[in-house]
Every structure is written in C-alpha cells, then in structure tokens.
Amino acid sequence: AYWSGYRNWPAEKLVLGLPLYGRNFNDGGTSLAYRLILADTPAVALADYHDRVYYNGRPTIEAKARYVSEREFAGVMLWQIAHDTTATELSLTAAVADVFACDVAPEGC
C-alpha cells in the first residue's frame, strides 16, 4: 500500500505485477517458469514453495487479484504469460480471470 497509502496515488493509476515464475534455490536462485514448477507435481499449484523453489501459487495469486479488485486498482500485469501452464485448473492467468469475473457476475462466485 506504499503507492496508494503513503504516496496517495489514485487507485485507477495503479497496476500490480504478478509473477508467473519462481526462484530456484537449488540452482543459485535462477528463475523457473511456473509451468515447469508444476511439471512433476501439479499439486504444488496450491503452495508457494516446493523443493527450494519459491513462487506464487494459485491461492496467493487469487489473494493478490482480490486485493487489486477490492481497492479498485487499474488492474494487474502478468509476467511472463508464456510461463503459465495450459492446464486451466492450475493456471495463474485463469485464477486472476476467475477473481475479476466475480466483480462482473458475483452470483456465480
């Protein structure tokens, strides 16, 4: 809330960046695409840590999208879209879309 609270920037000018990658500390902290993190163990989509790899899983991405929605920020930016998985039920892009869809049609949420 630094920019919206302390700096008093208007919410409609704020965009929150969401990572679709993690940091692999088995390999010196190099980046690792989210889809590759899930490759062997899809269930880790519900976590933020697996085998010394740190990332934002679905629950964290959903919470960040809700934060943006509740504060009426301009939106989110996903970096980098090619790092996401194509499995809709595990996708971080789909998680963000689900949260924002609830703004439009809350009866389905």
C-alpha atoms as a PDB file:
ATOM      1  CA  ALA A   1       0.000   0.000   0.000  1.00  0.00           C
ATOM      2  CA  TYR A   2       3.025   2.257  -0.349  1.00  0.00           C
ATOM      3  CA  TRP A   3       1.861   3.934  -3.567  1.00  0.00           C
ATOM      4  CA  SER A   4      -1.826   4.148  -2.677  1.00  0.00           C
ATOM      5  CA  GLY A   5      -1.428   4.891   1.026  1.00  0.00           C
ATOM      6  CA  TYR A   6       1.819   6.702   1.728  1.00  0.00           C
ATOM      7  CA  ARG A   7       2.248   8.308  -1.699  1.00  0.00           C
ATOM      8  CA  ASN A   8      -1.510   8.862  -2.208  1.00  0.00           C
ATOM      9  CA  TRP A   9      -1.501   7.831  -5.862  1.00  0.00           C
ATOM     10  CA  PRO A  10      -5.002   7.386  -7.288  1.00  0.00           C
ATOM     11  CA  ALA A  11      -6.068   3.733  -7.355  1.00  0.00           C
ATOM     12  CA  GLU A  12      -7.087   3.969 -11.021  1.00  0.00           C
ATOM     13  CA  LYS A  13      -3.426   4.579 -11.909  1.00  0.00           C
ATOM     14  CA  LEU A  14      -2.020   1.570 -10.051  1.00  0.00           C
ATOM     15  CA  VAL A  15      -1.268  -1.814 -11.609  1.00  0.00           C
ATOM     16  CA  LEU A  16       0.070  -4.734  -9.581  1.00  0.00           C
ATOM     17  CA  GLY A  17       2.644  -7.004 -11.228  1.00  0.00           C
ATOM     18  CA  LEU A  18       2.128 -10.737 -10.693  1.00  0.00           C
ATOM     19  CA  PRO A  19       4.949 -13.212 -11.349  1.00  0.00           C
ATOM     20  CA  LEU A  20       4.362 -16.405 -13.331  1.00  0.00           C
ATOM     21  CA  TYR A  21       7.739 -17.774 -12.321  1.00  0.00           C
ATOM     22  CA  GLY A  22       9.618 -18.788  -9.215  1.00  0.00           C
ATOM     23  CA  ARG A  23      13.138 -18.676  -7.872  1.00  0.00           C
ATOM     24  CA  ASN A  24      15.015 -21.971  -7.815  1.00  0.00           C
ATOM     25  CA  PHE A  25      17.435 -22.009  -4.889  1.00  0.00           C
ATOM     26  CA  ASN A  26      18.627 -25.476  -5.874  1.00  0.00           C
ATOM     27  CA  ASP A  27      20.282 -23.642  -8.757  1.00  0.00           C
ATOM     28  CA  GLY A  28      21.564 -20.413  -7.220  1.00  0.00           C
ATOM     29  CA  GLY A  29      18.258 -18.541  -7.302  1.00  0.00           C
ATOM     30  CA  THR A  30      17.695 -18.712 -11.053  1.00  0.00           C
ATOM     31  CA  SER A  31      14.175 -18.156 -12.348  1.00  0.00           C
ATOM     32  CA  LEU A  32      11.950 -21.094 -13.212  1.00  0.00           C
ATOM     33  CA  ALA A  33       8.693 -20.899 -15.202  1.00  0.00           C
ATOM     34  CA  TYR A  34       5.534 -21.713 -13.227  1.00  0.00           C
ATOM     35  CA  ARG A  35       4.595 -24.420 -15.753  1.00  0.00           C
ATOM     36  CA  LEU A  36       7.952 -26.120 -15.126  1.00  0.00           C
ATOM     37  CA  ILE A  37       7.476 -25.918 -11.356  1.00  0.00           C
ATOM     38  CA  LEU A  38       4.233 -27.883 -11.811  1.00  0.00           C
ATOM     39  CA  ALA A  39       5.611 -30.312 -14.391  1.00  0.00           C
ATOM     40  CA  ASP A  40       6.324 -33.184 -11.989  1.00  0.00           C
ATOM     41  CA  THR A  41       3.951 -32.321  -9.158  1.00  0.00           C
ATOM     42  CA  PRO A  42       0.811 -30.391 -10.223  1.00  0.00           C
ATOM     43  CA  ALA A  43      -0.491 -30.322  -6.633  1.00  0.00           C
ATOM     44  CA  VAL A  44       2.133 -27.703  -5.741  1.00  0.00           C
ATOM     45  CA  ALA A  45      -0.085 -25.157  -7.529  1.00  0.00           C
ATOM     46  CA  LEU A  46      -1.744 -24.731  -4.118  1.00  0.00           C
ATOM     47  CA  ALA A  47       1.544 -23.847  -2.394  1.00  0.00           C
ATOM     48  CA  ASP A  48       4.187 -21.112  -2.655  1.00  0.00           C
ATOM     49  CA  TYR A  49       7.201 -23.332  -2.009  1.00  0.00           C
ATOM     50  CA  HIS A  50       8.353 -26.729  -3.220  1.00  0.00           C
ATOM     51  CA  ASP A  51      11.801 -28.290  -3.042  1.00  0.00           C
ATOM     52  CA  ARG A  52      13.649 -24.971  -2.500  1.00  0.00           C
ATOM     53  CA  VAL A  53      11.697 -23.259  -5.289  1.00  0.00           C
ATOM     54  CA  TYR A  54       9.694 -20.211  -4.182  1.00  0.00           C
ATOM     55  CA  TYR A  55       6.790 -18.854  -6.266  1.00  0.00           C
ATOM     56  CA  ASN A  56       3.213 -17.558  -6.016  1.00  0.00           C
ATOM     57  CA  GLY A  57       0.725 -20.428  -6.208  1.00  0.00           C
ATOM     58  CA  ARG A  58      -2.964 -20.122  -7.070  1.00  0.00           C
ATOM     59  CA  PRO A  59      -4.155 -19.091  -3.570  1.00  0.00           C
ATOM     60  CA  THR A  60      -1.579 -16.291  -3.365  1.00  0.00           C
ATOM     61  CA  ILE A  61      -2.315 -15.042  -6.887  1.00  0.00           C
ATOM     62  CA  GLU A  62      -6.065 -15.112  -6.130  1.00  0.00           C
ATOM     63  CA  ALA A  63      -5.463 -13.114  -2.918  1.00  0.00           C
ATOM     64  CA  LYS A  64      -3.400 -10.534  -4.814  1.00  0.00           C
ATOM     65  CA  ALA A  65      -6.087 -10.238  -7.508  1.00  0.00           C
ATOM     66  CA  ARG A  66      -8.745  -9.745  -4.792  1.00  0.00           C
ATOM     67  CA  TYR A  67      -6.535  -7.051  -3.219  1.00  0.00           C
ATOM     68  CA  VAL A  68      -6.448  -5.217  -6.561  1.00  0.00           C
ATOM     69  CA  SER A  69     -10.185  -5.641  -7.069  1.00  0.00           C
ATOM     70  CA  GLU A  70     -11.175  -4.529  -3.559  1.00  0.00           C
ATOM     71  CA  ARG A  71      -9.034  -1.398  -3.818  1.00  0.00           C
ATOM     72  CA  GLU A  72     -10.235  -0.656  -7.351  1.00  0.00           C
ATOM     73  CA  PHE A  73      -6.747  -0.522  -8.838  1.00  0.00           C
ATOM     74  CA  ALA A  74      -6.440  -0.274 -12.614  1.00  0.00           C
ATOM     75  CA  GLY A  75      -5.569  -3.973 -12.873  1.00  0.00           C
ATOM     76  CA  VAL A  76      -2.739  -6.476 -12.898  1.00  0.00           C
ATOM     77  CA  MET A  77       0.199  -7.225 -15.158  1.00  0.00           C
ATOM     78  CA  LEU A  78       1.289 -10.853 -15.548  1.00  0.00           C
ATOM     79  CA  TRP A  79       4.973 -11.549 -16.103  1.00  0.00           C
ATOM     80  CA  GLN A  80       5.503 -13.558 -18.194  1.00  0.00           C
ATOM     81  CA  ILE A  81       2.417 -15.112 -19.752  1.00  0.00           C
ATOM     82  CA  ALA A  82       4.372 -17.861 -21.542  1.00  0.00           C
ATOM     83  CA  HIS A  83       5.472 -19.169 -18.134  1.00  0.00           C
ATOM     84  CA  ASP A  84       1.909 -20.139 -17.174  1.00  0.00           C
ATOM     85  CA  THR A  85       0.553 -23.667 -17.522  1.00  0.00           C
ATOM     86  CA  THR A  86      -2.033 -24.582 -20.142  1.00  0.00           C
ATOM     87  CA  ALA A  87      -3.992 -26.635 -17.582  1.00  0.00           C
ATOM     88  CA  THR A  88      -6.889 -24.274 -16.783  1.00  0.00           C
ATOM     89  CA  GLU A  89      -7.471 -25.659 -13.282  1.00  0.00           C
ATOM     90  CA  LEU A  90      -3.832 -24.887 -12.381  1.00  0.00           C
ATOM     91  CA  SER A  91      -3.351 -21.712 -14.414  1.00  0.00           C
ATOM     92  CA  LEU A  92      -2.488 -18.470 -12.646  1.00  0.00           C
ATOM     93  CA  THR A  93      -3.981 -16.482 -15.515  1.00  0.00           C
ATOM     94  CA  ALA A  94      -7.251 -18.371 -15.044  1.00  0.00           C
ATOM     95  CA  ALA A  95      -7.090 -17.696 -11.285  1.00  0.00           C
ATOM     96  CA  VAL A  96      -6.886 -13.939 -11.938  1.00  0.00           C
ATOM     97  CA  ALA A  97      -9.685 -14.145 -14.516  1.00  0.00           C
ATOM     98  CA  ASP A  98     -11.885 -16.016 -12.017  1.00  0.00           C
ATOM     99  CA  VAL A  99     -11.421 -13.288  -9.390  1.00  0.00           C
ATOM    100  CA  PHE A 100     -12.187 -10.479 -11.829  1.00  0.00           C
ATOM    101  CA  ALA A 101     -15.176 -12.383 -13.243  1.00  0.00           C
ATOM    102  CA  CYS A 102     -16.673 -12.299  -9.747  1.00  0.00           C
ATOM    103  CA  ASP A 103     -16.651  -8.494  -9.964  1.00  0.00           C
ATOM    104  CA  VAL A 104     -18.836  -8.681 -13.063  1.00  0.00           C
ATOM    105  CA  ALA A 105     -21.112 -11.567 -12.062  1.00  0.00           C
ATOM    106  CA  PRO A 106     -20.859 -12.148  -8.295  1.00  0.00           C
ATOM    107  CA  GLU A 107     -23.762 -14.599  -8.228  1.00  0.00           C
ATOM    108  CA  GLY A 108     -21.533 -17.271  -9.785  1.00  0.00           C
ATOM    109  CA  CYS A 109     -18.823 -16.977  -7.129  1.00  0.00           C
END
